[in-house]
Amino acid sequence: VYETRKILGDESILVNPTCVRIPVSNCHSETITVETERPITPGEARELFEKFPGIEVVDDLANGLYPLPSTCDGSDAVFIGRIRRDLSHPNGISFWCVSDNLRKGAATNAVQIAELLAQHR
C-alpha cells in the first residue's frame, strides 16, 4: 500500500491489497483494479495493453487462456488477462497479471519506468 504511494509521490492513491501465498517460484501474481477518468470497455483496455511495450495479453477465456505463474517463468514480459469491467465502479477496469519476479523485479521495473518517462519529456 505505502510503496506505491511512495514511488509515485502521491498519497491520494487508494490501494486495497489482498496477499495470497502459493508455492510457486519466480512469480508475482496480482489482480489489479484501475479507476479511469471516463468509462472504458474491456476491449479498449485490451488495445491499450497490447500497444504497451513489455506487456503480453493472454485473454481468451472461451478457450481457457489466461496468464498463469508458469506463463511468466523466465520472461521479462508482464502477462495480462481476465480483463473485465469492475462491477462496483462505472469507470473501473480489473485485470489479472503475472510476471517473473526475478526477471521483472522492482529494480528492473524502476529502470524501465524511468526510461519510459525520459522518452516522454
PDB file of N, CA and C in Angstrom:
ATOM      1  N   VAL A   1       0.828  -1.186   0.000  1.00  0.00           N
ATOM      2  CA  VAL A   1       0.000   0.000   0.000  1.00  0.00           C
ATOM      3  C   VAL A   1       0.870   1.247   0.000  1.00  0.00           C
ATOM      4  N   TYR A   2       1.812   1.309   0.897  1.00  0.00           N
ATOM      5  CA  TYR A   2       2.603   2.525   1.049  1.00  0.00           C
ATOM      6  C   TYR A   2       3.684   2.646  -0.015  1.00  0.00           C
ATOM      7  N   GLU A   3       4.172   1.508  -0.523  1.00  0.00           N
ATOM      8  CA  GLU A   3       5.236   1.540  -1.526  1.00  0.00           C
ATOM      9  C   GLU A   3       4.769   2.237  -2.805  1.00  0.00           C
ATOM     10  N   THR A   4       3.569   1.944  -3.257  1.00  0.00           N
ATOM     11  CA  THR A   4       3.037   2.583  -4.468  1.00  0.00           C
ATOM     12  C   THR A   4       2.954   4.085  -4.282  1.00  0.00           C
ATOM     13  N   ARG A   5       2.419   4.519  -3.161  1.00  0.00           N
ATOM     14  CA  ARG A   5       2.306   5.957  -2.880  1.00  0.00           C
ATOM     15  C   ARG A   5       3.679   6.617  -2.829  1.00  0.00           C
ATOM     16  N   LYS A   6       4.633   5.938  -2.191  1.00  0.00           N
ATOM     17  CA  LYS A   6       5.985   6.488  -2.054  1.00  0.00           C
ATOM     18  C   LYS A   6       6.668   6.595  -3.414  1.00  0.00           C
ATOM     19  N   ILE A   7       6.606   5.535  -4.210  1.00  0.00           N
ATOM     20  CA  ILE A   7       7.271   5.530  -5.516  1.00  0.00           C
ATOM     21  C   ILE A   7       6.690   6.601  -6.427  1.00  0.00           C
ATOM     22  N   LEU A   8       5.372   6.735  -6.434  1.00  0.00           N
ATOM     23  CA  LEU A   8       4.721   7.699  -7.320  1.00  0.00           C
ATOM     24  C   LEU A   8       4.575   9.078  -6.692  1.00  0.00           C
ATOM     25  N   GLY A   9       4.929   9.215  -5.412  1.00  0.00           N
ATOM     26  CA  GLY A   9       4.855  10.511  -4.747  1.00  0.00           C
ATOM     27  C   GLY A   9       3.443  11.059  -4.676  1.00  0.00           C
ATOM     28  N   ASP A  10       2.477  10.177  -4.449  1.00  0.00           N
ATOM     29  CA  ASP A  10       1.077  10.592  -4.442  1.00  0.00           C
ATOM     30  C   ASP A  10       0.344   9.862  -3.317  1.00  0.00           C
ATOM     31  N   GLU A  11       0.119  10.552  -2.215  1.00  0.00           N
ATOM     32  CA  GLU A  11      -0.550   9.963  -1.060  1.00  0.00           C
ATOM     33  C   GLU A  11      -2.041   9.719  -1.289  1.00  0.00           C
ATOM     34  N   SER A  12      -2.604  10.264  -2.375  1.00  0.00           N
ATOM     35  CA  SER A  12      -4.040  10.109  -2.610  1.00  0.00           C
ATOM     36  C   SER A  12      -4.387   8.800  -3.318  1.00  0.00           C
ATOM     37  N   ILE A  13      -3.387   8.045  -3.774  1.00  0.00           N
ATOM     38  CA  ILE A  13      -3.655   6.780  -4.466  1.00  0.00           C
ATOM     39  C   ILE A  13      -4.259   5.788  -3.480  1.00  0.00           C
ATOM     40  N   LEU A  14      -5.402   5.229  -3.848  1.00  0.00           N
ATOM     41  CA  LEU A  14      -6.075   4.257  -2.999  1.00  0.00           C
ATOM     42  C   LEU A  14      -5.660   2.854  -3.422  1.00  0.00           C
ATOM     43  N   VAL A  15      -5.208   2.060  -2.472  1.00  0.00           N
ATOM     44  CA  VAL A  15      -4.779   0.691  -2.730  1.00  0.00           C
ATOM     45  C   VAL A  15      -5.488  -0.212  -1.728  1.00  0.00           C
ATOM     46  N   ASN A  16      -6.056  -1.311  -2.219  1.00  0.00           N
ATOM     47  CA  ASN A  16      -6.751  -2.263  -1.366  1.00  0.00           C
ATOM     48  C   ASN A  16      -6.216  -3.664  -1.672  1.00  0.00           C
ATOM     49  N   PRO A  17      -5.078  -4.040  -1.095  1.00  0.00           N
ATOM     50  CA  PRO A  17      -4.439  -5.294  -1.470  1.00  0.00           C
ATOM     51  C   PRO A  17      -4.993  -6.513  -0.740  1.00  0.00           C
ATOM     52  N   THR A  18      -4.833  -7.647  -1.380  1.00  0.00           N
ATOM     53  CA  THR A  18      -5.045  -8.944  -0.765  1.00  0.00           C
ATOM     54  C   THR A  18      -3.827  -9.784  -1.094  1.00  0.00           C
ATOM     55  N   CYS A  19      -3.190 -10.331  -0.102  1.00  0.00           N
ATOM     56  CA  CYS A  19      -1.996 -11.150  -0.317  1.00  0.00           C
ATOM     57  C   CYS A  19      -2.386 -12.622  -0.242  1.00  0.00           C
ATOM     58  N   VAL A  20      -1.984 -13.375  -1.252  1.00  0.00           N
ATOM     59  CA  VAL A  20      -2.211 -14.810  -1.278  1.00  0.00           C
ATOM     60  C   VAL A  20      -0.867 -15.474  -1.535  1.00  0.00           C
ATOM     61  N   ARG A  21      -0.450 -16.345  -0.659  1.00  0.00           N
ATOM     62  CA  ARG A  21       0.825 -17.050  -0.822  1.00  0.00           C
ATOM     63  C   ARG A  21       0.546 -18.440  -1.382  1.00  0.00           C
ATOM     64  N   ILE A  22       1.174 -18.729  -2.520  1.00  0.00           N
ATOM     65  CA  ILE A  22       1.057 -20.053  -3.109  1.00  0.00           C
ATOM     66  C   ILE A  22       2.459 -20.543  -3.461  1.00  0.00           C
ATOM     67  N   PRO A  23       2.659 -21.839  -3.505  1.00  0.00           N
ATOM     68  CA  PRO A  23       4.011 -22.367  -3.712  1.00  0.00           C
ATOM     69  C   PRO A  23       4.447 -22.353  -5.180  1.00  0.00           C
ATOM     70  N   VAL A  24       4.891 -21.203  -5.647  1.00  0.00           N
ATOM     71  CA  VAL A  24       5.463 -21.094  -6.988  1.00  0.00           C
ATOM     72  C   VAL A  24       6.788 -20.357  -6.864  1.00  0.00           C
ATOM     73  N   SER A  25       7.686 -20.653  -7.781  1.00  0.00           N
ATOM     74  CA  SER A  25       8.946 -19.917  -7.784  1.00  0.00           C
ATOM     75  C   SER A  25       8.891 -18.878  -8.884  1.00  0.00           C
ATOM     76  N   ASN A  26       9.563 -17.778  -8.667  1.00  0.00           N
ATOM     77  CA  ASN A  26       9.758 -16.766  -9.712  1.00  0.00           C
ATOM     78  C   ASN A  26       8.474 -16.149 -10.249  1.00  0.00           C
ATOM     79  N   CYS A  27       7.510 -15.858  -9.430  1.00  0.00           N
ATOM     80  CA  CYS A  27       6.289 -15.260  -9.984  1.00  0.00           C
ATOM     81  C   CYS A  27       5.601 -14.361  -8.971  1.00  0.00           C
ATOM     82  N   HIS A  28       5.192 -13.200  -9.451  1.00  0.00           N
ATOM     83  CA  HIS A  28       4.236 -12.360  -8.741  1.00  0.00           C
ATOM     84  C   HIS A  28       2.941 -12.424  -9.526  1.00  0.00           C
ATOM     85  N   SER A  29       1.826 -12.589  -8.845  1.00  0.00           N
ATOM     86  CA  SER A  29       0.509 -12.613  -9.479  1.00  0.00           C
ATOM     87  C   SER A  29      -0.367 -11.604  -8.760  1.00  0.00           C
ATOM     88  N   GLU A  30      -1.103 -10.813  -9.525  1.00  0.00           N
ATOM     89  CA  GLU A  30      -1.929  -9.770  -8.915  1.00  0.00           C
ATOM     90  C   GLU A  30      -3.231  -9.596  -9.678  1.00  0.00           C
ATOM     91  N   THR A  31      -4.269  -9.290  -8.946  1.00  0.00           N
ATOM     92  CA  THR A  31      -5.488  -8.764  -9.545  1.00  0.00           C
ATOM     93  C   THR A  31      -5.446  -7.267  -9.308  1.00  0.00           C
ATOM     94  N   ILE A  32      -5.604  -6.501 -10.370  1.00  0.00           N
ATOM     95  CA  ILE A  32      -5.491  -5.046 -10.289  1.00  0.00           C
ATOM     96  C   ILE A  32      -6.789  -4.421 -10.772  1.00  0.00           C
ATOM     97  N   THR A  33      -7.280  -3.451 -10.038  1.00  0.00           N
ATOM     98  CA  THR A  33      -8.448  -2.680 -10.439  1.00  0.00           C
ATOM     99  C   THR A  33      -8.016  -1.235 -10.597  1.00  0.00           C
ATOM    100  N   VAL A  34      -8.371  -0.649 -11.733  1.00  0.00           N
ATOM    101  CA  VAL A  34      -7.978   0.718 -12.060  1.00  0.00           C
ATOM    102  C   VAL A  34      -9.233   1.549 -12.269  1.00  0.00           C
ATOM    103  N   GLU A  35      -9.260   2.738 -11.679  1.00  0.00           N
ATOM    104  CA  GLU A  35     -10.338   3.695 -11.923  1.00  0.00           C
ATOM    105  C   GLU A  35      -9.847   4.676 -12.980  1.00  0.00           C
ATOM    106  N   THR A  36     -10.558   4.763 -14.092  1.00  0.00           N
ATOM    107  CA  THR A  36     -10.182   5.646 -15.186  1.00  0.00           C
ATOM    108  C   THR A  36     -10.971   6.951 -15.122  1.00  0.00           C
ATOM    109  N   GLU A  37     -10.523   7.952 -15.876  1.00  0.00           N
ATOM    110  CA  GLU A  37     -11.210   9.247 -15.882  1.00  0.00           C
ATOM    111  C   GLU A  37     -12.587   9.154 -16.515  1.00  0.00           C
ATOM    112  N   ARG A  38     -12.738   8.273 -17.484  1.00  0.00           N
ATOM    113  CA  ARG A  38     -14.021   8.077 -18.160  1.00  0.00           C
ATOM    114  C   ARG A  38     -14.251   6.573 -18.282  1.00  0.00           C
ATOM    115  N   PRO A  39     -15.486   6.160 -18.533  1.00  0.00           N
ATOM    116  CA  PRO A  39     -15.716   4.723 -18.716  1.00  0.00           C
ATOM    117  C   PRO A  39     -14.891   4.182 -19.882  1.00  0.00           C
ATOM    118  N   ILE A  40     -14.390   2.984 -19.724  1.00  0.00           N
ATOM    119  CA  ILE A  40     -13.592   2.325 -20.756  1.00  0.00           C
ATOM    120  C   ILE A  40     -14.052   0.871 -20.839  1.00  0.00           C
ATOM    121  N   THR A  41     -14.137   0.358 -22.045  1.00  0.00           N
ATOM    122  CA  THR A  41     -14.561  -1.028 -22.216  1.00  0.00           C
ATOM    123  C   THR A  41     -13.367  -1.961 -22.043  1.00  0.00           C
ATOM    124  N   PRO A  42     -13.627  -3.216 -21.740  1.00  0.00           N
ATOM    125  CA  PRO A  42     -12.522  -4.175 -21.692  1.00  0.00           C
ATOM    126  C   PRO A  42     -11.766  -4.250 -23.023  1.00  0.00           C
ATOM    127  N   GLY A  43     -12.472  -4.105 -24.130  1.00  0.00           N
ATOM    128  CA  GLY A  43     -11.815  -4.112 -25.439  1.00  0.00           C
ATOM    129  C   GLY A  43     -10.857  -2.942 -25.609  1.00  0.00           C
ATOM    130  N   GLU A  44     -11.272  -1.757 -25.153  1.00  0.00           N
ATOM    131  CA  GLU A  44     -10.385  -0.585 -25.223  1.00  0.00           C
ATOM    132  C   GLU A  44      -9.159  -0.782 -24.335  1.00  0.00           C
ATOM    133  N   ALA A  45      -9.371  -1.322 -23.142  1.00  0.00           N
ATOM    134  CA  ALA A  45      -8.247  -1.581 -22.236  1.00  0.00           C
ATOM    135  C   ALA A  45      -7.289  -2.585 -22.870  1.00  0.00           C
ATOM    136  N   ARG A  46      -7.851  -3.618 -23.483  1.00  0.00           N
ATOM    137  CA  ARG A  46      -7.021  -4.636 -24.136  1.00  0.00           C
ATOM    138  C   ARG A  46      -6.151  -4.011 -25.226  1.00  0.00           C
ATOM    139  N   GLU A  47      -6.751  -3.142 -26.049  1.00  0.00           N
ATOM    140  CA  GLU A  47      -5.994  -2.475 -27.117  1.00  0.00           C
ATOM    141  C   GLU A  47      -4.842  -1.651 -26.545  1.00  0.00           C
ATOM    142  N   LEU A  48      -5.096  -0.939 -25.459  1.00  0.00           N
ATOM    143  CA  LEU A  48      -4.038  -0.146 -24.824  1.00  0.00           C
ATOM    144  C   LEU A  48      -2.925  -1.043 -24.287  1.00  0.00           C
ATOM    145  N   PHE A  49      -3.310  -2.131 -23.619  1.00  0.00           N
ATOM    146  CA  PHE A  49      -2.306  -3.061 -23.100  1.00  0.00           C
ATOM    147  C   PHE A  49      -1.461  -3.644 -24.232  1.00  0.00           C
ATOM    148  N   GLU A  50      -2.104  -4.009 -25.336  1.00  0.00           N
ATOM    149  CA  GLU A  50      -1.386  -4.633 -26.456  1.00  0.00           C
ATOM    150  C   GLU A  50      -0.360  -3.694 -27.082  1.00  0.00           C
ATOM    151  N   LYS A  51      -0.588  -2.388 -26.985  1.00  0.00           N
ATOM    152  CA  LYS A  51       0.331  -1.404 -27.560  1.00  0.00           C
ATOM    153  C   LYS A  51       1.510  -1.087 -26.640  1.00  0.00           C
ATOM    154  N   PHE A  52       1.403  -1.448 -25.376  1.00  0.00           N
ATOM    155  CA  PHE A  52       2.410  -1.058 -24.393  1.00  0.00           C
ATOM    156  C   PHE A  52       3.583  -2.024 -24.417  1.00  0.00           C
ATOM    157  N   PRO A  53       4.819  -1.499 -24.535  1.00  0.00           N
ATOM    158  CA  PRO A  53       5.985  -2.389 -24.571  1.00  0.00           C
ATOM    159  C   PRO A  53       6.138  -3.186 -23.278  1.00  0.00           C
ATOM    160  N   GLY A  54       6.452  -4.463 -23.429  1.00  0.00           N
ATOM    161  CA  GLY A  54       6.692  -5.307 -22.263  1.00  0.00           C
ATOM    162  C   GLY A  54       5.469  -6.003 -21.726  1.00  0.00           C
ATOM    163  N   ILE A  55       4.299  -5.748 -22.331  1.00  0.00           N
ATOM    164  CA  ILE A  55       3.072  -6.409 -21.899  1.00  0.00           C
ATOM    165  C   ILE A  55       2.639  -7.399 -22.967  1.00  0.00           C
ATOM    166  N   GLU A  56       2.299  -8.598 -22.524  1.00  0.00           N
ATOM    167  CA  GLU A  56       1.734  -9.626 -23.401  1.00  0.00           C
ATOM    168  C   GLU A  56       0.322  -9.915 -22.904  1.00  0.00           C
ATOM    169  N   VAL A  57      -0.664  -9.759 -23.780  1.00  0.00           N
ATOM    170  CA  VAL A  57      -2.050 -10.035 -23.408  1.00  0.00           C
ATOM    171  C   VAL A  57      -2.355 -11.502 -23.708  1.00  0.00           C
ATOM    172  N   VAL A  58      -2.817 -12.215 -22.687  1.00  0.00           N
ATOM    173  CA  VAL A  58      -3.254 -13.610 -22.810  1.00  0.00           C
ATOM    174  C   VAL A  58      -4.662 -13.627 -22.233  1.00  0.00           C
ATOM    175  N   ASP A  59      -5.663 -13.483 -23.095  1.00  0.00           N
ATOM    176  CA  ASP A  59      -7.016 -13.233 -22.595  1.00  0.00           C
ATOM    177  C   ASP A  59      -8.054 -13.868 -23.516  1.00  0.00           C
ATOM    178  N   ASP A  60      -8.207 -15.166 -23.427  1.00  0.00           N
ATOM    179  CA  ASP A  60      -9.185 -15.895 -24.237  1.00  0.00           C
ATOM    180  C   ASP A  60      -9.865 -16.921 -23.337  1.00  0.00           C
ATOM    181  N   LEU A  61     -10.773 -16.431 -22.496  1.00  0.00           N
ATOM    182  CA  LEU A  61     -11.407 -17.305 -21.512  1.00  0.00           C
ATOM    183  C   LEU A  61     -12.207 -18.424 -22.158  1.00  0.00           C
ATOM    184  N   ALA A  62     -12.776 -18.176 -23.352  1.00  0.00           N
ATOM    185  CA  ALA A  62     -13.559 -19.206 -24.039  1.00  0.00           C
ATOM    186  C   ALA A  62     -12.713 -20.450 -24.313  1.00  0.00           C
ATOM    187  N   ASN A  63     -11.421 -20.252 -24.508  1.00  0.00           N
ATOM    188  CA  ASN A  63     -10.507 -21.368 -24.754  1.00  0.00           C
ATOM    189  C   ASN A  63      -9.589 -21.652 -23.565  1.00  0.00           C
ATOM    190  N   GLY A  64      -9.944 -21.099 -22.406  1.00  0.00           N
ATOM    191  CA  GLY A  64      -9.183 -21.364 -21.187  1.00  0.00           C
ATOM    192  C   GLY A  64      -7.798 -20.750 -21.165  1.00  0.00           C
ATOM    193  N   LEU A  65      -7.617 -19.637 -21.892  1.00  0.00           N
ATOM    194  CA  LEU A  65      -6.307 -18.986 -21.940  1.00  0.00           C
ATOM    195  C   LEU A  65      -6.306 -17.717 -21.100  1.00  0.00           C
ATOM    196  N   TYR A  66      -5.478 -17.720 -20.087  1.00  0.00           N
ATOM    197  CA  TYR A  66      -5.242 -16.555 -19.245  1.00  0.00           C
ATOM    198  C   TYR A  66      -3.882 -16.763 -18.590  1.00  0.00           C
ATOM    199  N   PRO A  67      -3.263 -15.708 -18.084  1.00  0.00           N
ATOM    200  CA  PRO A  67      -1.915 -15.846 -17.531  1.00  0.00           C
ATOM    201  C   PRO A  67      -1.880 -16.747 -16.294  1.00  0.00           C
ATOM    202  N   LEU A  68      -0.894 -17.606 -16.270  1.00  0.00           N
ATOM    203  CA  LEU A  68      -0.626 -18.467 -15.117  1.00  0.00           C
ATOM    204  C   LEU A  68       0.807 -18.208 -14.654  1.00  0.00           C
ATOM    205  N   PRO A  69       1.130 -18.528 -13.417  1.00  0.00           N
ATOM    206  CA  PRO A  69       2.514 -18.359 -12.984  1.00  0.00           C
ATOM    207  C   PRO A  69       3.515 -19.057 -13.913  1.00  0.00           C
ATOM    208  N   SER A  70       3.145 -20.197 -14.448  1.00  0.00           N
ATOM    209  CA  SER A  70       4.054 -20.903 -15.361  1.00  0.00           C
ATOM    210  C   SER A  70       4.245 -20.150 -16.674  1.00  0.00           C
ATOM    211  N   THR A  71       3.300 -19.265 -17.026  1.00  0.00           N
ATOM    212  CA  THR A  71       3.388 -18.479 -18.259  1.00  0.00           C
ATOM    213  C   THR A  71       4.589 -17.548 -18.226  1.00  0.00           C
ATOM    214  N   CYS A  72       4.872 -16.974 -17.075  1.00  0.00           N
ATOM    215  CA  CYS A  72       5.864 -15.900 -16.991  1.00  0.00           C
ATOM    216  C   CYS A  72       7.268 -16.369 -16.656  1.00  0.00           C
ATOM    217  N   ASP A  73       7.417 -17.600 -16.245  1.00  0.00           N
ATOM    218  CA  ASP A  73       8.719 -18.081 -15.781  1.00  0.00           C
ATOM    219  C   ASP A  73       9.793 -17.904 -16.851  1.00  0.00           C
ATOM    220  N   GLY A  74      10.829 -17.129 -16.536  1.00  0.00           N
ATOM    221  CA  GLY A  74      11.938 -16.894 -17.453  1.00  0.00           C
ATOM    222  C   GLY A  74      11.716 -15.790 -18.462  1.00  0.00           C
ATOM    223  N   SER A  75      10.636 -15.029 -18.321  1.00  0.00           N
ATOM    224  CA  SER A  75      10.313 -13.970 -19.285  1.00  0.00           C
ATOM    225  C   SER A  75      10.432 -12.590 -18.648  1.00  0.00           C
ATOM    226  N   ASP A  76      10.812 -11.605 -19.455  1.00  0.00           N
ATOM    227  CA  ASP A  76      10.846 -10.217 -18.990  1.00  0.00           C
ATOM    228  C   ASP A  76       9.483  -9.540 -19.109  1.00  0.00           C
ATOM    229  N   ALA A  77       8.545 -10.167 -19.802  1.00  0.00           N
ATOM    230  CA  ALA A  77       7.233  -9.554 -20.042  1.00  0.00           C
ATOM    231  C   ALA A  77       6.339  -9.653 -18.809  1.00  0.00           C
ATOM    232  N   VAL A  78       5.332  -8.777 -18.777  1.00  0.00           N
ATOM    233  CA  VAL A  78       4.230  -8.865 -17.829  1.00  0.00           C
ATOM    234  C   VAL A  78       3.047  -9.392 -18.630  1.00  0.00           C
ATOM    235  N   PHE A  79       2.430 -10.459 -18.148  1.00  0.00           N
ATOM    236  CA  PHE A  79       1.320 -11.090 -18.855  1.00  0.00           C
ATOM    237  C   PHE A  79       0.011 -10.666 -18.206  1.00  0.00           C
ATOM    238  N   ILE A  80      -0.926 -10.181 -19.038  1.00  0.00           N
ATOM    239  CA  ILE A  80      -2.195  -9.648 -18.547  1.00  0.00           C
ATOM    240  C   ILE A  80      -3.346 -10.398 -19.196  1.00  0.00           C
ATOM    241  N   GLY A  81      -4.369 -10.679 -18.404  1.00  0.00           N
ATOM    242  CA  GLY A  81      -5.569 -11.343 -18.902  1.00  0.00           C
ATOM    243  C   GLY A  81      -6.738 -11.101 -17.973  1.00  0.00           C
ATOM    244  N   ARG A  82      -7.838 -11.805 -18.262  1.00  0.00           N
ATOM    245  CA  ARG A  82      -9.072 -11.658 -17.487  1.00  0.00           C
ATOM    246  C   ARG A  82      -9.460 -10.182 -17.357  1.00  0.00           C
ATOM    247  N   ILE A  83      -9.349  -9.463 -18.461  1.00  0.00           N
ATOM    248  CA  ILE A  83      -9.666  -8.029 -18.500  1.00  0.00           C
ATOM    249  C   ILE A  83     -11.182  -7.897 -18.468  1.00  0.00           C
ATOM    250  N   ARG A  84     -11.700  -7.141 -17.507  1.00  0.00           N
ATOM    251  CA  ARG A  84     -13.155  -7.042 -17.346  1.00  0.00           C
ATOM    252  C   ARG A  84     -13.536  -5.734 -16.665  1.00  0.00           C
ATOM    253  N   ARG A  85     -14.797  -5.385 -16.819  1.00  0.00           N
ATOM    254  CA  ARG A  85     -15.329  -4.219 -16.117  1.00  0.00           C
ATOM    255  C   ARG A  85     -15.352  -4.505 -14.623  1.00  0.00           C
ATOM    256  N   ASP A  86     -15.085  -3.474 -13.845  1.00  0.00           N
ATOM    257  CA  ASP A  86     -15.262  -3.564 -12.399  1.00  0.00           C
ATOM    258  C   ASP A  86     -16.732  -3.278 -12.136  1.00  0.00           C
ATOM    259  N   LEU A  87     -17.458  -4.252 -11.656  1.00  0.00           N
ATOM    260  CA  LEU A  87     -18.897  -4.093 -11.457  1.00  0.00           C
ATOM    261  C   LEU A  87     -19.242  -3.113 -10.343  1.00  0.00           C
ATOM    262  N   SER A  88     -18.272  -2.745  -9.507  1.00  0.00           N
ATOM    263  CA  SER A  88     -18.552  -1.850  -8.388  1.00  0.00           C
ATOM    264  C   SER A  88     -18.308  -0.382  -8.712  1.00  0.00           C
ATOM    265  N   HIS A  89     -17.773  -0.093  -9.916  1.00  0.00           N
ATOM    266  CA  HIS A  89     -17.473   1.296 -10.257  1.00  0.00           C
ATOM    267  C   HIS A  89     -17.641   1.498 -11.757  1.00  0.00           C
ATOM    268  N   PRO A  90     -18.384   2.539 -12.181  1.00  0.00           N
ATOM    269  CA  PRO A  90     -18.640   2.730 -13.617  1.00  0.00           C
ATOM    270  C   PRO A  90     -17.384   3.004 -14.442  1.00  0.00           C
ATOM    271  N   ASN A  91     -16.342   3.514 -13.825  1.00  0.00           N
ATOM    272  CA  ASN A  91     -15.098   3.808 -14.544  1.00  0.00           C
ATOM    273  C   ASN A  91     -13.992   2.826 -14.169  1.00  0.00           C
ATOM    274  N   GLY A  92     -14.364   1.645 -13.732  1.00  0.00           N
ATOM    275  CA  GLY A  92     -13.369   0.689 -13.262  1.00  0.00           C
ATOM    276  C   GLY A  92     -13.119  -0.445 -14.238  1.00  0.00           C
ATOM    277  N   ILE A  93     -11.855  -0.838 -14.331  1.00  0.00           N
ATOM    278  CA  ILE A  93     -11.424  -1.999 -15.115  1.00  0.00           C
ATOM    279  C   ILE A  93     -10.571  -2.867 -14.190  1.00  0.00           C
ATOM    280  N   SER A  94     -10.794  -4.165 -14.229  1.00  0.00           N
ATOM    281  CA  SER A  94      -9.985  -5.102 -13.455  1.00  0.00           C
ATOM    282  C   SER A  94      -9.270  -6.047 -14.404  1.00  0.00           C
ATOM    283  N   PHE A  95      -8.103  -6.499 -13.989  1.00  0.00           N
ATOM    284  CA  PHE A  95      -7.376  -7.479 -14.786  1.00  0.00           C
ATOM    285  C   PHE A  95      -6.441  -8.273 -13.886  1.00  0.00           C
ATOM    286  N   TRP A  96      -5.999  -9.396 -14.397  1.00  0.00           N
ATOM    287  CA  TRP A  96      -5.084 -10.297 -13.714  1.00  0.00           C
ATOM    288  C   TRP A  96      -3.736 -10.197 -14.400  1.00  0.00           C
ATOM    289  N   CYS A  97      -2.656 -10.154 -13.647  1.00  0.00           N
ATOM    290  CA  CYS A  97      -1.335 -10.124 -14.283  1.00  0.00           C
ATOM    291  C   CYS A  97      -0.351 -10.991 -13.515  1.00  0.00           C
ATOM    292  N   VAL A  98       0.611 -11.524 -14.265  1.00  0.00           N
ATOM    293  CA  VAL A  98       1.689 -12.307 -13.678  1.00  0.00           C
ATOM    294  C   VAL A  98       3.008 -11.854 -14.288  1.00  0.00           C
ATOM    295  N   SER A  99       4.069 -11.934 -13.497  1.00  0.00           N
ATOM    296  CA  SER A  99       5.407 -11.630 -14.009  1.00  0.00           C
ATOM    297  C   SER A  99       6.437 -12.409 -13.204  1.00  0.00           C
ATOM    298  N   ASP A 100       7.558 -12.680 -13.835  1.00  0.00           N
ATOM    299  CA  ASP A 100       8.673 -13.361 -13.192  1.00  0.00           C
ATOM    300  C   ASP A 100       9.381 -12.344 -12.305  1.00  0.00           C
ATOM    301  N   ASN A 101       9.281 -12.511 -10.994  1.00  0.00           N
ATOM    302  CA  ASN A 101       9.828 -11.503 -10.090  1.00  0.00           C
ATOM    303  C   ASN A 101      11.355 -11.488 -10.067  1.00  0.00           C
ATOM    304  N   LEU A 102      12.005 -12.503 -10.615  1.00  0.00           N
ATOM    305  CA  LEU A 102      13.463 -12.457 -10.722  1.00  0.00           C
ATOM    306  C   LEU A 102      13.901 -11.707 -11.973  1.00  0.00           C
ATOM    307  N   ARG A 103      13.059 -11.709 -13.011  1.00  0.00           N
ATOM    308  CA  ARG A 103      13.380 -11.018 -14.259  1.00  0.00           C
ATOM    309  C   ARG A 103      12.757  -9.624 -14.300  1.00  0.00           C
ATOM    310  N   LYS A 104      11.629  -9.451 -13.656  1.00  0.00           N
ATOM    311  CA  LYS A 104      10.889  -8.186 -13.699  1.00  0.00           C
ATOM    312  C   LYS A 104      10.642  -7.730 -12.262  1.00  0.00           C
ATOM    313  N   GLY A 105      11.714  -7.622 -11.504  1.00  0.00           N
ATOM    314  CA  GLY A 105      11.592  -7.203 -10.119  1.00  0.00           C
ATOM    315  C   GLY A 105      11.537  -5.693 -10.000  1.00  0.00           C
ATOM    316  N   ALA A 106      11.563  -5.217  -8.808  1.00  0.00           N
ATOM    317  CA  ALA A 106      11.421  -3.784  -8.549  1.00  0.00           C
ATOM    318  C   ALA A 106      12.505  -2.959  -9.228  1.00  0.00           C
ATOM    319  N   ALA A 107      13.755  -3.405  -9.187  1.00  0.00           N
ATOM    320  CA  ALA A 107      14.848  -2.612  -9.764  1.00  0.00           C
ATOM    321  C   ALA A 107      14.728  -2.522 -11.280  1.00  0.00           C
ATOM    322  N   THR A 108      14.524  -3.655 -11.946  1.00  0.00           N
ATOM    323  CA  THR A 108      14.377  -3.647 -13.409  1.00  0.00           C
ATOM    324  C   THR A 108      13.186  -2.801 -13.816  1.00  0.00           C
ATOM    325  N   ASN A 109      12.091  -2.974 -13.118  1.00  0.00           N
ATOM    326  CA  ASN A 109      10.881  -2.222 -13.436  1.00  0.00           C
ATOM    327  C   ASN A 109      11.093  -0.728 -13.226  1.00  0.00           C
ATOM    328  N   ALA A 110      11.785  -0.342 -12.170  1.00  0.00           N
ATOM    329  CA  ALA A 110      12.051   1.077 -11.911  1.00  0.00           C
ATOM    330  C   ALA A 110      12.878   1.688 -13.037  1.00  0.00           C
ATOM    331  N   VAL A 111      13.879   0.955 -13.520  1.00  0.00           N
ATOM    332  CA  VAL A 111      14.699   1.445 -14.639  1.00  0.00           C
ATOM    333  C   VAL A 111      13.842   1.599 -15.892  1.00  0.00           C
ATOM    334  N   GLN A 112      12.989   0.622 -16.173  1.00  0.00           N
ATOM    335  CA  GLN A 112      12.138   0.694 -17.363  1.00  0.00           C
ATOM    336  C   GLN A 112      11.152   1.853 -17.278  1.00  0.00           C
ATOM    337  N   ILE A 113      10.605   2.113 -16.110  1.00  0.00           N
ATOM    338  CA  ILE A 113       9.698   3.255 -15.936  1.00  0.00           C
ATOM    339  C   ILE A 113      10.459   4.557 -16.145  1.00  0.00           C
ATOM    340  N   ALA A 114      11.657   4.656 -15.582  1.00  0.00           N
ATOM    341  CA  ALA A 114      12.470   5.867 -15.761  1.00  0.00           C
ATOM    342  C   ALA A 114      12.795   6.091 -17.236  1.00  0.00           C
ATOM    343  N   GLU A 115      13.141   5.033 -17.963  1.00  0.00           N
ATOM    344  CA  GLU A 115      13.425   5.155 -19.397  1.00  0.00           C
ATOM    345  C   GLU A 115      12.191   5.626 -20.159  1.00  0.00           C
ATOM    346  N   LEU A 116      11.038   5.090 -19.814  1.00  0.00           N
ATOM    347  CA  LEU A 116       9.790   5.491 -20.470  1.00  0.00           C
ATOM    348  C   LEU A 116       9.474   6.956 -20.182  1.00  0.00           C
ATOM    349  N   LEU A 117       9.646   7.374 -18.937  1.00  0.00           N
ATOM    350  CA  LEU A 117       9.401   8.774 -18.586  1.00  0.00           C
ATOM    351  C   LEU A 117      10.367   9.699 -19.319  1.00  0.00           C
ATOM    352  N   ALA A 118      11.624   9.296 -19.436  1.00  0.00           N
ATOM    353  CA  ALA A 118      12.624  10.117 -20.133  1.00  0.00           C
ATOM    354  C   ALA A 118      12.268  10.292 -21.606  1.00  0.00           C
ATOM    355  N   GLN A 119      11.689   9.282 -22.222  1.00  0.00           N
ATOM    356  CA  GLN A 119      11.282   9.363 -23.628  1.00  0.00           C
ATOM    357  C   GLN A 119      10.143  10.353 -23.836  1.00  0.00           C
ATOM    358  N   HIS A 120       9.323  10.552 -22.814  1.00  0.00           N
ATOM    359  CA  HIS A 120       8.128  11.393 -22.944  1.00  0.00           C
ATOM    360  C   HIS A 120       8.305  12.790 -22.366  1.00  0.00           C
ATOM    361  N   ARG A 121       9.525  13.168 -22.049  1.00  0.00           N
ATOM    362  CA  ARG A 121       9.755  14.516 -21.503  1.00  0.00           C
ATOM    363  C   ARG A 121      10.162  15.462 -22.575  1.00  0.00           C
TER     364      ARG A 121
END
